[in-house]
């Protein structure tokens, strides 16, 4: 268990030292200095999350198109654009880490993997 803990700490450090995380932290600080822009970004992020987690049968493509159209102008703002771009990069790093870890362990979920929401 000690080895796993040490490796976990090393991985956390590597993530925090990555360009994506450093850029995200800087963009986040810049955005937090402008509460009005931050509120717009948080509303966008919330709606984006809600759309991505809609019930089956909902036209997610149309919903995303509408969201992008609605927020097109504010996404031109460099503070907002940087924040969202770095956030995306950081999320992709976390996804790769998770997929890599999950792929190394056979949790014997075959009988119910159809109901697991990854």
PDB file of N, CA and C in Angstrom:
ATOM      1  N   UNK A   1       0.810  -1.191   0.000  1.00  0.00           N
ATOM      2  CA  UNK A   1       0.000   0.000   0.000  1.00  0.00           C
ATOM      3  C   UNK A   1       0.861   1.266   0.000  1.00  0.00           C
ATOM      4  N   UNK A   2       1.991   1.205   0.643  1.00  0.00           N
ATOM      5  CA  UNK A   2       2.897   2.352   0.677  1.00  0.00           C
ATOM      6  C   UNK A   2       3.347   2.742  -0.735  1.00  0.00           C
ATOM      7  N   UNK A   3       3.634   1.740  -1.563  1.00  0.00           N
ATOM      8  CA  UNK A   3       4.075   2.011  -2.927  1.00  0.00           C
ATOM      9  C   UNK A   3       2.966   2.699  -3.722  1.00  0.00           C
ATOM     10  N   UNK A   4       1.733   2.255  -3.549  1.00  0.00           N
ATOM     11  CA  UNK A   4       0.606   2.878  -4.237  1.00  0.00           C
ATOM     12  C   UNK A   4       0.447   4.326  -3.786  1.00  0.00           C
ATOM     13  N   UNK A   5       0.574   4.554  -2.497  1.00  0.00           N
ATOM     14  CA  UNK A   5       0.455   5.913  -1.966  1.00  0.00           C
ATOM     15  C   UNK A   5       1.556   6.805  -2.548  1.00  0.00           C
ATOM     16  N   UNK A   6       2.772   6.300  -2.612  1.00  0.00           N
ATOM     17  CA  UNK A   6       3.881   7.084  -3.152  1.00  0.00           C
ATOM     18  C   UNK A   6       3.668   7.395  -4.636  1.00  0.00           C
ATOM     19  N   UNK A   7       3.216   6.396  -5.367  1.00  0.00           N
ATOM     20  CA  UNK A   7       2.960   6.607  -6.794  1.00  0.00           C
ATOM     21  C   UNK A   7       1.813   7.590  -7.005  1.00  0.00           C
ATOM     22  N   UNK A   8       0.809   7.521  -6.162  1.00  0.00           N
ATOM     23  CA  UNK A   8      -0.313   8.456  -6.242  1.00  0.00           C
ATOM     24  C   UNK A   8       0.171   9.882  -5.994  1.00  0.00           C
ATOM     25  N   UNK A   9       1.007  10.051  -4.996  1.00  0.00           N
ATOM     26  CA  UNK A   9       1.549  11.383  -4.712  1.00  0.00           C
ATOM     27  C   UNK A   9       2.387  11.885  -5.879  1.00  0.00           C
ATOM     28  N   UNK A  10       3.172  10.998  -6.484  1.00  0.00           N
ATOM     29  CA  UNK A  10       3.989  11.389  -7.635  1.00  0.00           C
ATOM     30  C   UNK A  10       3.099  11.780  -8.818  1.00  0.00           C
ATOM     31  N   UNK A  11       2.019  11.051  -9.018  1.00  0.00           N
ATOM     32  CA  UNK A  11       1.087  11.375 -10.102  1.00  0.00           C
ATOM     33  C   UNK A  11       0.405  12.721  -9.852  1.00  0.00           C
ATOM     34  N   UNK A  12      -0.022  12.960  -8.619  1.00  0.00           N
ATOM     35  CA  UNK A  12      -0.636  14.243  -8.276  1.00  0.00           C
ATOM     36  C   UNK A  12       0.337  15.388  -8.538  1.00  0.00           C
ATOM     37  N   UNK A  13       1.579  15.188  -8.163  1.00  0.00           N
ATOM     38  CA  UNK A  13       2.601  16.218  -8.381  1.00  0.00           C
ATOM     39  C   UNK A  13       2.799  16.458  -9.879  1.00  0.00           C
ATOM     40  N   UNK A  14       2.839  15.389 -10.656  1.00  0.00           N
ATOM     41  CA  UNK A  14       3.023  15.522 -12.103  1.00  0.00           C
ATOM     42  C   UNK A  14       1.859  16.285 -12.736  1.00  0.00           C
ATOM     43  N   UNK A  15       0.655  16.022 -12.283  1.00  0.00           N
ATOM     44  CA  UNK A  15      -0.505  16.743 -12.813  1.00  0.00           C
ATOM     45  C   UNK A  15      -0.400  18.220 -12.459  1.00  0.00           C
ATOM     46  N   UNK A  16      -0.081  18.515 -11.200  1.00  0.00           N
ATOM     47  CA  UNK A  16       0.027  19.912 -10.767  1.00  0.00           C
ATOM     48  C   UNK A  16       1.152  20.652 -11.481  1.00  0.00           C
ATOM     49  N   UNK A  17       2.171  19.943 -11.920  1.00  0.00           N
ATOM     50  CA  UNK A  17       3.304  20.572 -12.606  1.00  0.00           C
ATOM     51  C   UNK A  17       3.141  20.599 -14.123  1.00  0.00           C
ATOM     52  N   UNK A  18       2.042  20.035 -14.622  1.00  0.00           N
ATOM     53  CA  UNK A  18       1.825  20.004 -16.073  1.00  0.00           C
ATOM     54  C   UNK A  18       1.498  21.402 -16.590  1.00  0.00           C
ATOM     55  N   UNK A  19       1.791  21.626 -17.857  1.00  0.00           N
ATOM     56  CA  UNK A  19       1.473  22.911 -18.485  1.00  0.00           C
ATOM     57  C   UNK A  19      -0.035  23.166 -18.455  1.00  0.00           C
ATOM     58  N   UNK A  20      -0.817  22.099 -18.661  1.00  0.00           N
ATOM     59  CA  UNK A  20      -2.267  22.268 -18.650  1.00  0.00           C
ATOM     60  C   UNK A  20      -2.762  22.755 -17.294  1.00  0.00           C
ATOM     61  N   UNK A  21      -2.255  22.166 -16.233  1.00  0.00           N
ATOM     62  CA  UNK A  21      -2.710  22.587 -14.907  1.00  0.00           C
ATOM     63  C   UNK A  21      -2.240  24.005 -14.582  1.00  0.00           C
ATOM     64  N   UNK A  22      -0.983  24.291 -14.899  1.00  0.00           N
ATOM     65  CA  UNK A  22      -0.467  25.633 -14.633  1.00  0.00           C
ATOM     66  C   UNK A  22      -1.248  26.685 -15.414  1.00  0.00           C
ATOM     67  N   UNK A  23      -1.535  26.381 -16.675  1.00  0.00           N
ATOM     68  CA  UNK A  23      -2.333  27.301 -17.481  1.00  0.00           C
ATOM     69  C   UNK A  23      -3.734  27.452 -16.934  1.00  0.00           C
ATOM     70  N   UNK A  24      -4.318  26.340 -16.491  1.00  0.00           N
ATOM     71  CA  UNK A  24      -5.656  26.383 -15.913  1.00  0.00           C
ATOM     72  C   UNK A  24      -5.674  27.244 -14.648  1.00  0.00           C
ATOM     73  N   UNK A  25      -4.701  27.040 -13.772  1.00  0.00           N
ATOM     74  CA  UNK A  25      -4.647  27.805 -12.521  1.00  0.00           C
ATOM     75  C   UNK A  25      -4.510  29.303 -12.805  1.00  0.00           C
ATOM     76  N   UNK A  26      -3.689  29.642 -13.775  1.00  0.00           N
ATOM     77  CA  UNK A  26      -3.502  31.049 -14.139  1.00  0.00           C
ATOM     78  C   UNK A  26      -4.782  31.631 -14.746  1.00  0.00           C
ATOM     79  N   UNK A  27      -5.414  30.878 -15.646  1.00  0.00           N
ATOM     80  CA  UNK A  27      -6.651  31.334 -16.277  1.00  0.00           C
ATOM     81  C   UNK A  27      -7.777  31.450 -15.250  1.00  0.00           C
ATOM     82  N   UNK A  28      -7.798  30.530 -14.303  1.00  0.00           N
ATOM     83  CA  UNK A  28      -8.818  30.554 -13.249  1.00  0.00           C
ATOM     84  C   UNK A  28      -8.658  31.814 -12.390  1.00  0.00           C
ATOM     85  N   UNK A  29      -7.430  32.126 -12.026  1.00  0.00           N
ATOM     86  CA  UNK A  29      -7.171  33.330 -11.217  1.00  0.00           C
ATOM     87  C   UNK A  29      -7.585  34.584 -11.973  1.00  0.00           C
ATOM     88  N   UNK A  30      -7.280  34.633 -13.256  1.00  0.00           N
ATOM     89  CA  UNK A  30      -7.650  35.793 -14.065  1.00  0.00           C
ATOM     90  C   UNK A  30      -9.168  35.922 -14.160  1.00  0.00           C
ATOM     91  N   UNK A  31      -9.832  34.808 -14.305  1.00  0.00           N
ATOM     92  CA  UNK A  31     -11.290  34.823 -14.401  1.00  0.00           C
ATOM     93  C   UNK A  31     -11.928  35.214 -13.070  1.00  0.00           C
ATOM     94  N   UNK A  32     -11.365  34.731 -11.980  1.00  0.00           N
ATOM     95  CA  UNK A  32     -11.905  35.064 -10.657  1.00  0.00           C
ATOM     96  C   UNK A  32     -11.762  36.550 -10.342  1.00  0.00           C
ATOM     97  N   UNK A  33     -10.844  37.212 -11.008  1.00  0.00           N
ATOM     98  CA  UNK A  33     -10.668  38.653 -10.815  1.00  0.00           C
ATOM     99  C   UNK A  33     -11.768  39.449 -11.516  1.00  0.00           C
ATOM    100  N   UNK A  34     -12.568  38.765 -12.312  1.00  0.00           N
ATOM    101  CA  UNK A  34     -13.672  39.414 -13.034  1.00  0.00           C
ATOM    102  C   UNK A  34     -14.956  38.625 -12.759  1.00  0.00           C
ATOM    103  N   UNK A  35     -15.646  38.937 -11.663  1.00  0.00           N
ATOM    104  CA  UNK A  35     -16.826  38.168 -11.251  1.00  0.00           C
ATOM    105  C   UNK A  35     -17.934  38.067 -12.304  1.00  0.00           C
ATOM    106  N   UNK A  36     -18.112  39.104 -13.095  1.00  0.00           N
ATOM    107  CA  UNK A  36     -19.159  39.067 -14.115  1.00  0.00           C
ATOM    108  C   UNK A  36     -18.853  38.021 -15.185  1.00  0.00           C
ATOM    109  N   UNK A  37     -17.615  38.012 -15.659  1.00  0.00           N
ATOM    110  CA  UNK A  37     -17.219  37.003 -16.650  1.00  0.00           C
ATOM    111  C   UNK A  37     -17.251  35.604 -16.042  1.00  0.00           C
ATOM    112  N   UNK A  38     -16.804  35.506 -14.788  1.00  0.00           N
ATOM    113  CA  UNK A  38     -16.795  34.203 -14.125  1.00  0.00           C
ATOM    114  C   UNK A  38     -18.206  33.621 -14.056  1.00  0.00           C
ATOM    115  N   UNK A  39     -19.168  34.469 -13.741  1.00  0.00           N
ATOM    116  CA  UNK A  39     -20.561  34.016 -13.652  1.00  0.00           C
ATOM    117  C   UNK A  39     -21.051  33.489 -15.001  1.00  0.00           C
ATOM    118  N   UNK A  40     -20.688  34.172 -16.069  1.00  0.00           N
ATOM    119  CA  UNK A  40     -21.080  33.716 -17.415  1.00  0.00           C
ATOM    120  C   UNK A  40     -20.455  32.362 -17.734  1.00  0.00           C
ATOM    121  N   UNK A  41     -19.197  32.209 -17.389  1.00  0.00           N
ATOM    122  CA  UNK A  41     -18.510  30.941 -17.649  1.00  0.00           C
ATOM    123  C   UNK A  41     -19.128  29.813 -16.830  1.00  0.00           C
ATOM    124  N   UNK A  42     -19.432  30.088 -15.582  1.00  0.00           N
ATOM    125  CA  UNK A  42     -20.006  29.051 -14.722  1.00  0.00           C
ATOM    126  C   UNK A  42     -21.397  28.636 -15.212  1.00  0.00           C
ATOM    127  N   UNK A  43     -22.160  29.587 -15.709  1.00  0.00           N
ATOM    128  CA  UNK A  43     -23.473  29.272 -16.278  1.00  0.00           C
ATOM    129  C   UNK A  43     -23.306  28.401 -17.518  1.00  0.00           C
ATOM    130  N   UNK A  44     -22.348  28.765 -18.373  1.00  0.00           N
ATOM    131  CA  UNK A  44     -22.058  27.967 -19.565  1.00  0.00           C
ATOM    132  C   UNK A  44     -21.641  26.549 -19.181  1.00  0.00           C
ATOM    133  N   UNK A  45     -20.728  26.442 -18.230  1.00  0.00           N
ATOM    134  CA  UNK A  45     -20.231  25.120 -17.809  1.00  0.00           C
ATOM    135  C   UNK A  45     -21.360  24.270 -17.224  1.00  0.00           C
ATOM    136  N   UNK A  46     -22.202  24.905 -16.424  1.00  0.00           N
ATOM    137  CA  UNK A  46     -23.327  24.182 -15.817  1.00  0.00           C
ATOM    138  C   UNK A  46     -24.264  23.641 -16.899  1.00  0.00           C
ATOM    139  N   UNK A  47     -24.629  24.506 -17.853  1.00  0.00           N
ATOM    140  CA  UNK A  47     -25.522  24.064 -18.936  1.00  0.00           C
ATOM    141  C   UNK A  47     -24.872  22.982 -19.773  1.00  0.00           C
ATOM    142  N   UNK A  48     -23.586  23.109 -20.029  1.00  0.00           N
ATOM    143  CA  UNK A  48     -22.850  22.098 -20.788  1.00  0.00           C
ATOM    144  C   UNK A  48     -22.919  20.753 -20.062  1.00  0.00           C
ATOM    145  N   UNK A  49     -22.677  20.764 -18.770  1.00  0.00           N
ATOM    146  CA  UNK A  49     -22.734  19.537 -17.963  1.00  0.00           C
ATOM    147  C   UNK A  49     -24.145  18.939 -17.998  1.00  0.00           C
ATOM    148  N   UNK A  50     -25.140  19.777 -17.830  1.00  0.00           N
ATOM    149  CA  UNK A  50     -26.524  19.290 -17.835  1.00  0.00           C
ATOM    150  C   UNK A  50     -26.866  18.640 -19.171  1.00  0.00           C
ATOM    151  N   UNK A  51     -26.444  19.264 -20.261  1.00  0.00           N
ATOM    152  CA  UNK A  51     -26.720  18.702 -21.591  1.00  0.00           C
ATOM    153  C   UNK A  51     -26.027  17.354 -21.751  1.00  0.00           C
ATOM    154  N   UNK A  52     -24.788  17.255 -21.319  1.00  0.00           N
ATOM    155  CA  UNK A  52     -24.049  16.010 -21.467  1.00  0.00           C
ATOM    156  C   UNK A  52     -24.627  14.885 -20.609  1.00  0.00           C
ATOM    157  N   UNK A  53     -25.454  15.235 -19.644  1.00  0.00           N
ATOM    158  CA  UNK A  53     -26.037  14.227 -18.759  1.00  0.00           C
ATOM    159  C   UNK A  53     -27.555  14.138 -18.902  1.00  0.00           C
ATOM    160  N   UNK A  54     -28.056  14.542 -20.054  1.00  0.00           N
ATOM    161  CA  UNK A  54     -29.491  14.444 -20.322  1.00  0.00           C
ATOM    162  C   UNK A  54     -29.908  12.986 -20.457  1.00  0.00           C
ATOM    163  N   UNK A  55     -31.177  12.750 -20.246  1.00  0.00           N
ATOM    164  CA  UNK A  55     -31.734  11.407 -20.388  1.00  0.00           C
ATOM    165  C   UNK A  55     -31.630  10.948 -21.830  1.00  0.00           C
ATOM    166  N   UNK A  56     -31.584   9.644 -22.008  1.00  0.00           N
ATOM    167  CA  UNK A  56     -31.548   9.096 -23.355  1.00  0.00           C
ATOM    168  C   UNK A  56     -32.794   9.539 -24.106  1.00  0.00           C
ATOM    169  N   UNK A  57     -32.661   9.693 -25.403  1.00  0.00           N
ATOM    170  CA  UNK A  57     -33.778  10.114 -26.225  1.00  0.00           C
ATOM    171  C   UNK A  57     -33.797  11.611 -26.470  1.00  0.00           C
ATOM    172  N   UNK A  58     -32.986  12.351 -25.741  1.00  0.00           N
ATOM    173  CA  UNK A  58     -32.895  13.792 -25.945  1.00  0.00           C
ATOM    174  C   UNK A  58     -31.884  14.046 -27.055  1.00  0.00           C
ATOM    175  N   UNK A  59     -32.164  15.007 -27.890  1.00  0.00           N
ATOM    176  CA  UNK A  59     -31.261  15.357 -28.981  1.00  0.00           C
ATOM    177  C   UNK A  59     -30.115  16.215 -28.442  1.00  0.00           C
ATOM    178  N   UNK A  60     -29.076  15.556 -27.958  1.00  0.00           N
ATOM    179  CA  UNK A  60     -27.941  16.237 -27.354  1.00  0.00           C
ATOM    180  C   UNK A  60     -27.242  17.135 -28.378  1.00  0.00           C
ATOM    181  N   UNK A  61     -27.151  16.662 -29.605  1.00  0.00           N
ATOM    182  CA  UNK A  61     -26.485  17.451 -30.656  1.00  0.00           C
ATOM    183  C   UNK A  61     -27.158  18.813 -30.819  1.00  0.00           C
ATOM    184  N   UNK A  62     -28.476  18.826 -30.905  1.00  0.00           N
ATOM    185  CA  UNK A  62     -29.215  20.078 -31.063  1.00  0.00           C
ATOM    186  C   UNK A  62     -29.041  20.966 -29.834  1.00  0.00           C
ATOM    187  N   UNK A  63     -29.091  20.360 -28.663  1.00  0.00           N
ATOM    188  CA  UNK A  63     -28.914  21.125 -27.423  1.00  0.00           C
ATOM    189  C   UNK A  63     -27.528  21.771 -27.376  1.00  0.00           C
ATOM    190  N   UNK A  64     -26.494  21.017 -27.770  1.00  0.00           N
ATOM    191  CA  UNK A  64     -25.128  21.555 -27.767  1.00  0.00           C
ATOM    192  C   UNK A  64     -24.978  22.663 -28.807  1.00  0.00           C
ATOM    193  N   UNK A  65     -25.593  22.482 -29.972  1.00  0.00           N
ATOM    194  CA  UNK A  65     -25.549  23.522 -30.995  1.00  0.00           C
ATOM    195  C   UNK A  65     -26.160  24.820 -30.481  1.00  0.00           C
ATOM    196  N   UNK A  66     -27.282  24.697 -29.801  1.00  0.00           N
ATOM    197  CA  UNK A  66     -27.962  25.862 -29.242  1.00  0.00           C
ATOM    198  C   UNK A  66     -27.094  26.532 -28.186  1.00  0.00           C
ATOM    199  N   UNK A  67     -26.461  25.732 -27.334  1.00  0.00           N
ATOM    200  CA  UNK A  67     -25.584  26.277 -26.302  1.00  0.00           C
ATOM    201  C   UNK A  67     -24.404  27.017 -26.927  1.00  0.00           C
ATOM    202  N   UNK A  68     -23.780  26.410 -27.913  1.00  0.00           N
ATOM    203  CA  UNK A  68     -22.642  27.039 -28.585  1.00  0.00           C
ATOM    204  C   UNK A  68     -23.053  28.340 -29.258  1.00  0.00           C
ATOM    205  N   UNK A  69     -24.217  28.343 -29.874  1.00  0.00           N
ATOM    206  CA  UNK A  69     -24.704  29.553 -30.531  1.00  0.00           C
ATOM    207  C   UNK A  69     -24.963  30.657 -29.511  1.00  0.00           C
ATOM    208  N   UNK A  70     -25.574  30.281 -28.411  1.00  0.00           N
ATOM    209  CA  UNK A  70     -25.913  31.247 -27.366  1.00  0.00           C
ATOM    210  C   UNK A  70     -24.667  31.874 -26.737  1.00  0.00           C
ATOM    211  N   UNK A  71     -23.599  31.091 -26.600  1.00  0.00           N
ATOM    212  CA  UNK A  71     -22.387  31.567 -25.923  1.00  0.00           C
ATOM    213  C   UNK A  71     -21.242  31.891 -26.882  1.00  0.00           C
ATOM    214  N   UNK A  72     -21.537  31.914 -28.165  1.00  0.00           N
ATOM    215  CA  UNK A  72     -20.496  32.156 -29.171  1.00  0.00           C
ATOM    216  C   UNK A  72     -19.732  33.459 -28.908  1.00  0.00           C
ATOM    217  N   UNK A  73     -20.449  34.525 -28.647  1.00  0.00           N
ATOM    218  CA  UNK A  73     -19.814  35.828 -28.472  1.00  0.00           C
ATOM    219  C   UNK A  73     -18.906  35.879 -27.238  1.00  0.00           C
ATOM    220  N   UNK A  74     -19.382  35.357 -26.104  1.00  0.00           N
ATOM    221  CA  UNK A  74     -18.543  35.451 -24.906  1.00  0.00           C
ATOM    222  C   UNK A  74     -17.328  34.543 -25.002  1.00  0.00           C
ATOM    223  N   UNK A  75     -17.417  33.490 -25.815  1.00  0.00           N
ATOM    224  CA  UNK A  75     -16.272  32.594 -25.964  1.00  0.00           C
ATOM    225  C   UNK A  75     -15.136  33.248 -26.735  1.00  0.00           C
ATOM    226  N   UNK A  76     -15.404  34.364 -27.368  1.00  0.00           N
ATOM    227  CA  UNK A  76     -14.355  35.108 -28.068  1.00  0.00           C
ATOM    228  C   UNK A  76     -13.458  35.859 -27.086  1.00  0.00           C
ATOM    229  N   UNK A  77     -13.952  36.059 -25.870  1.00  0.00           N
ATOM    230  CA  UNK A  77     -13.170  36.752 -24.855  1.00  0.00           C
ATOM    231  C   UNK A  77     -11.950  35.893 -24.499  1.00  0.00           C
ATOM    232  N   UNK A  78     -10.730  36.445 -24.568  1.00  0.00           N
ATOM    233  CA  UNK A  78      -9.518  35.657 -24.310  1.00  0.00           C
ATOM    234  C   UNK A  78      -9.481  35.023 -22.911  1.00  0.00           C
ATOM    235  N   UNK A  79      -9.994  35.709 -21.898  1.00  0.00           N
ATOM    236  CA  UNK A  79     -10.011  35.128 -20.544  1.00  0.00           C
ATOM    237  C   UNK A  79     -10.869  33.870 -20.509  1.00  0.00           C
ATOM    238  N   UNK A  80     -12.028  33.973 -21.123  1.00  0.00           N
ATOM    239  CA  UNK A  80     -12.955  32.836 -21.145  1.00  0.00           C
ATOM    240  C   UNK A  80     -12.413  31.716 -22.014  1.00  0.00           C
ATOM    241  N   UNK A  81     -11.923  32.079 -23.171  1.00  0.00           N
ATOM    242  CA  UNK A  81     -11.378  31.080 -24.094  1.00  0.00           C
ATOM    243  C   UNK A  81     -10.215  30.308 -23.460  1.00  0.00           C
ATOM    244  N   UNK A  82      -9.294  31.031 -22.830  1.00  0.00           N
ATOM    245  CA  UNK A  82      -8.154  30.378 -22.175  1.00  0.00           C
ATOM    246  C   UNK A  82      -8.612  29.438 -21.068  1.00  0.00           C
ATOM    247  N   UNK A  83      -9.522  29.933 -20.239  1.00  0.00           N
ATOM    248  CA  UNK A  83     -10.014  29.117 -19.126  1.00  0.00           C
ATOM    249  C   UNK A  83     -10.631  27.814 -19.635  1.00  0.00           C
ATOM    250  N   UNK A  84     -11.521  27.922 -20.610  1.00  0.00           N
ATOM    251  CA  UNK A  84     -12.200  26.722 -21.117  1.00  0.00           C
ATOM    252  C   UNK A  84     -11.227  25.785 -21.837  1.00  0.00           C
ATOM    253  N   UNK A  85     -10.256  26.345 -22.535  1.00  0.00           N
ATOM    254  CA  UNK A  85      -9.279  25.507 -23.247  1.00  0.00           C
ATOM    255  C   UNK A  85      -8.387  24.750 -22.266  1.00  0.00           C
ATOM    256  N   UNK A  86      -7.901  25.434 -21.248  1.00  0.00           N
ATOM    257  CA  UNK A  86      -7.069  24.763 -20.252  1.00  0.00           C
ATOM    258  C   UNK A  86      -7.879  23.760 -19.437  1.00  0.00           C
ATOM    259  N   UNK A  87      -9.125  24.103 -19.152  1.00  0.00           N
ATOM    260  CA  UNK A  87      -9.986  23.157 -18.427  1.00  0.00           C
ATOM    261  C   UNK A  87     -10.160  21.877 -19.239  1.00  0.00           C
ATOM    262  N   UNK A  88     -10.394  22.015 -20.528  1.00  0.00           N
ATOM    263  CA  UNK A  88     -10.547  20.861 -21.403  1.00  0.00           C
ATOM    264  C   UNK A  88      -9.276  20.010 -21.412  1.00  0.00           C
ATOM    265  N   UNK A  89      -8.133  20.648 -21.520  1.00  0.00           N
ATOM    266  CA  UNK A  89      -6.864  19.911 -21.502  1.00  0.00           C
ATOM    267  C   UNK A  89      -6.673  19.157 -20.200  1.00  0.00           C
ATOM    268  N   UNK A  90      -6.993  19.803 -19.104  1.00  0.00           N
ATOM    269  CA  UNK A  90      -6.865  19.164 -17.794  1.00  0.00           C
ATOM    270  C   UNK A  90      -7.842  17.996 -17.651  1.00  0.00           C
ATOM    271  N   UNK A  91      -9.057  18.176 -18.131  1.00  0.00           N
ATOM    272  CA  UNK A  91     -10.047  17.090 -18.085  1.00  0.00           C
ATOM    273  C   UNK A  91      -9.590  15.892 -18.915  1.00  0.00           C
ATOM    274  N   UNK A  92      -8.985  16.165 -20.044  1.00  0.00           N
ATOM    275  CA  UNK A  92      -8.483  15.060 -20.895  1.00  0.00           C
ATOM    276  C   UNK A  92      -7.357  14.299 -20.203  1.00  0.00           C
ATOM    277  N   UNK A  93      -6.508  15.017 -19.502  1.00  0.00           N
ATOM    278  CA  UNK A  93      -5.457  14.344 -18.727  1.00  0.00           C
ATOM    279  C   UNK A  93      -6.094  13.420 -17.693  1.00  0.00           C
ATOM    280  N   UNK A  94      -7.076  13.930 -16.972  1.00  0.00           N
ATOM    281  CA  UNK A  94      -7.729  13.135 -15.931  1.00  0.00           C
ATOM    282  C   UNK A  94      -8.449  11.925 -16.533  1.00  0.00           C
ATOM    283  N   UNK A  95      -9.070  12.100 -17.692  1.00  0.00           N
ATOM    284  CA  UNK A  95      -9.738  10.979 -18.356  1.00  0.00           C
ATOM    285  C   UNK A  95      -8.736   9.901 -18.749  1.00  0.00           C
ATOM    286  N   UNK A  96      -7.603  10.322 -19.303  1.00  0.00           N
ATOM    287  CA  UNK A  96      -6.580   9.340 -19.706  1.00  0.00           C
ATOM    288  C   UNK A  96      -6.064   8.572 -18.491  1.00  0.00           C
ATOM    289  N   UNK A  97      -5.859   9.279 -17.390  1.00  0.00           N
ATOM    290  CA  UNK A  97      -5.403   8.624 -16.163  1.00  0.00           C
ATOM    291  C   UNK A  97      -6.440   7.610 -15.701  1.00  0.00           C
ATOM    292  N   UNK A  98      -7.700   8.036 -15.642  1.00  0.00           N
ATOM    293  CA  UNK A  98      -8.765   7.135 -15.193  1.00  0.00           C
ATOM    294  C   UNK A  98      -8.902   5.919 -16.090  1.00  0.00           C
ATOM    295  N   UNK A  99      -8.921   6.126 -17.402  1.00  0.00           N
ATOM    296  CA  UNK A  99      -9.052   5.005 -18.324  1.00  0.00           C
ATOM    297  C   UNK A  99      -7.879   4.046 -18.198  1.00  0.00           C
ATOM    298  N   UNK A 100      -6.702   4.596 -18.032  1.00  0.00           N
ATOM    299  CA  UNK A 100      -5.518   3.761 -17.887  1.00  0.00           C
ATOM    300  C   UNK A 100      -5.603   2.901 -16.629  1.00  0.00           C
ATOM    301  N   UNK A 101      -6.028   3.505 -15.527  1.00  0.00           N
ATOM    302  CA  UNK A 101      -6.148   2.762 -14.269  1.00  0.00           C
ATOM    303  C   UNK A 101      -7.247   1.710 -14.327  1.00  0.00           C
ATOM    304  N   UNK A 102      -8.395   2.099 -14.844  1.00  0.00           N
ATOM    305  CA  UNK A 102      -9.513   1.159 -14.926  1.00  0.00           C
ATOM    306  C   UNK A 102      -9.143  -0.016 -15.818  1.00  0.00           C
ATOM    307  N   UNK A 103      -8.390   0.244 -16.861  1.00  0.00           N
ATOM    308  CA  UNK A 103      -8.004  -0.804 -17.795  1.00  0.00           C
ATOM    309  C   UNK A 103      -7.023  -1.823 -17.231  1.00  0.00           C
ATOM    310  N   UNK A 104      -6.412  -1.520 -16.101  1.00  0.00           N
ATOM    311  CA  UNK A 104      -5.416  -2.446 -15.548  1.00  0.00           C
ATOM    312  C   UNK A 104      -6.015  -3.444 -14.567  1.00  0.00           C
ATOM    313  N   UNK A 105      -7.256  -3.217 -14.176  1.00  0.00           N
ATOM    314  CA  UNK A 105      -7.864  -4.057 -13.145  1.00  0.00           C
ATOM    315  C   UNK A 105      -9.132  -4.702 -13.699  1.00  0.00           C
ATOM    316  N   UNK A 106      -9.247  -6.014 -13.546  1.00  0.00           N
ATOM    317  CA  UNK A 106     -10.452  -6.722 -13.970  1.00  0.00           C
ATOM    318  C   UNK A 106     -11.419  -6.769 -12.788  1.00  0.00           C
ATOM    319  N   UNK A 107     -12.408  -5.889 -12.819  1.00  0.00           N
ATOM    320  CA  UNK A 107     -13.364  -5.814 -11.719  1.00  0.00           C
ATOM    321  C   UNK A 107     -14.546  -6.759 -11.897  1.00  0.00           C
ATOM    322  N   UNK A 108     -14.528  -7.565 -12.951  1.00  0.00           N
ATOM    323  CA  UNK A 108     -15.579  -8.549 -13.199  1.00  0.00           C
ATOM    324  C   UNK A 108     -16.961  -7.892 -13.203  1.00  0.00           C
ATOM    325  N   UNK A 109     -17.107  -6.887 -14.068  1.00  0.00           N
ATOM    326  CA  UNK A 109     -18.367  -6.164 -14.153  1.00  0.00           C
ATOM    327  C   UNK A 109     -19.147  -6.505 -15.412  1.00  0.00           C
ATOM    328  N   UNK A 110     -18.703  -7.519 -16.124  1.00  0.00           N
ATOM    329  CA  UNK A 110     -19.307  -7.877 -17.406  1.00  0.00           C
ATOM    330  C   UNK A 110     -20.806  -8.094 -17.351  1.00  0.00           C
ATOM    331  N   UNK A 111     -21.309  -8.630 -16.257  1.00  0.00           N
ATOM    332  CA  UNK A 111     -22.737  -8.927 -16.171  1.00  0.00           C
ATOM    333  C   UNK A 111     -23.624  -7.693 -16.025  1.00  0.00           C
ATOM    334  N   UNK A 112     -23.047  -6.564 -15.670  1.00  0.00           N
ATOM    335  CA  UNK A 112     -23.864  -5.366 -15.512  1.00  0.00           C
ATOM    336  C   UNK A 112     -23.212  -4.107 -16.087  1.00  0.00           C
ATOM    337  N   UNK A 113     -22.229  -4.291 -16.960  1.00  0.00           N
ATOM    338  CA  UNK A 113     -21.556  -3.125 -17.528  1.00  0.00           C
ATOM    339  C   UNK A 113     -22.474  -2.290 -18.421  1.00  0.00           C
ATOM    340  N   UNK A 114     -23.588  -2.872 -18.845  1.00  0.00           N
ATOM    341  CA  UNK A 114     -24.526  -2.126 -19.683  1.00  0.00           C
ATOM    342  C   UNK A 114     -25.229  -1.004 -18.921  1.00  0.00           C
ATOM    343  N   UNK A 115     -25.228  -1.049 -17.593  1.00  0.00           N
ATOM    344  CA  UNK A 115     -25.918  -0.013 -16.820  1.00  0.00           C
ATOM    345  C   UNK A 115     -24.944   0.983 -16.182  1.00  0.00           C
ATOM    346  N   UNK A 116     -23.652   0.735 -16.325  1.00  0.00           N
ATOM    347  CA  UNK A 116     -22.647   1.631 -15.742  1.00  0.00           C
ATOM    348  C   UNK A 116     -22.509   2.851 -16.643  1.00  0.00           C
ATOM    349  N   UNK A 117     -22.560   4.016 -16.052  1.00  0.00           N
ATOM    350  CA  UNK A 117     -22.429   5.271 -16.801  1.00  0.00           C
ATOM    351  C   UNK A 117     -21.016   5.782 -16.639  1.00  0.00           C
ATOM    352  N   UNK A 118     -20.193   5.566 -17.640  1.00  0.00           N
ATOM    353  CA  UNK A 118     -18.781   5.988 -17.607  1.00  0.00           C
ATOM    354  C   UNK A 118     -18.703   7.405 -17.953  1.00  0.00           C
TER     355      UNK A 118
END
